[in-house]
């Protein structure tokens, strides 16, 4: 990971603090960051001040490109149906896909306005 690379270039150990709004795999993220299991703390969803609703959308498109292209519409439709007046946090598989999905969602929102 980038954090491990930065730590390897420094003369002193690096301290990494990772925060997320929601993650089901905190231990995996901690492992990826190089954090020993005994130093990785994950809080249960029950301690959140705002309830968290998790939705997973599966795609049947046989090709990666067509599957990625369909994400924007699916995300927008799900957000409009599940949380029309609330914030939505979505994860994408890459930075590029995040940018493309954000543009697609913004275009769809502007068209609905």
Foldseek 3Di string as FASTA:
>chain_A
DVLVVVQVPDPDGDDDDDDDPDDPCQVVVCVVNVHPPVPGDDDDQVPDPDHDDDDDDDDPDPDPVVRLVCVLVVVLVCCCVPPVPDDDDDDDPDPVSVVVSVVSNVVVVVVVD
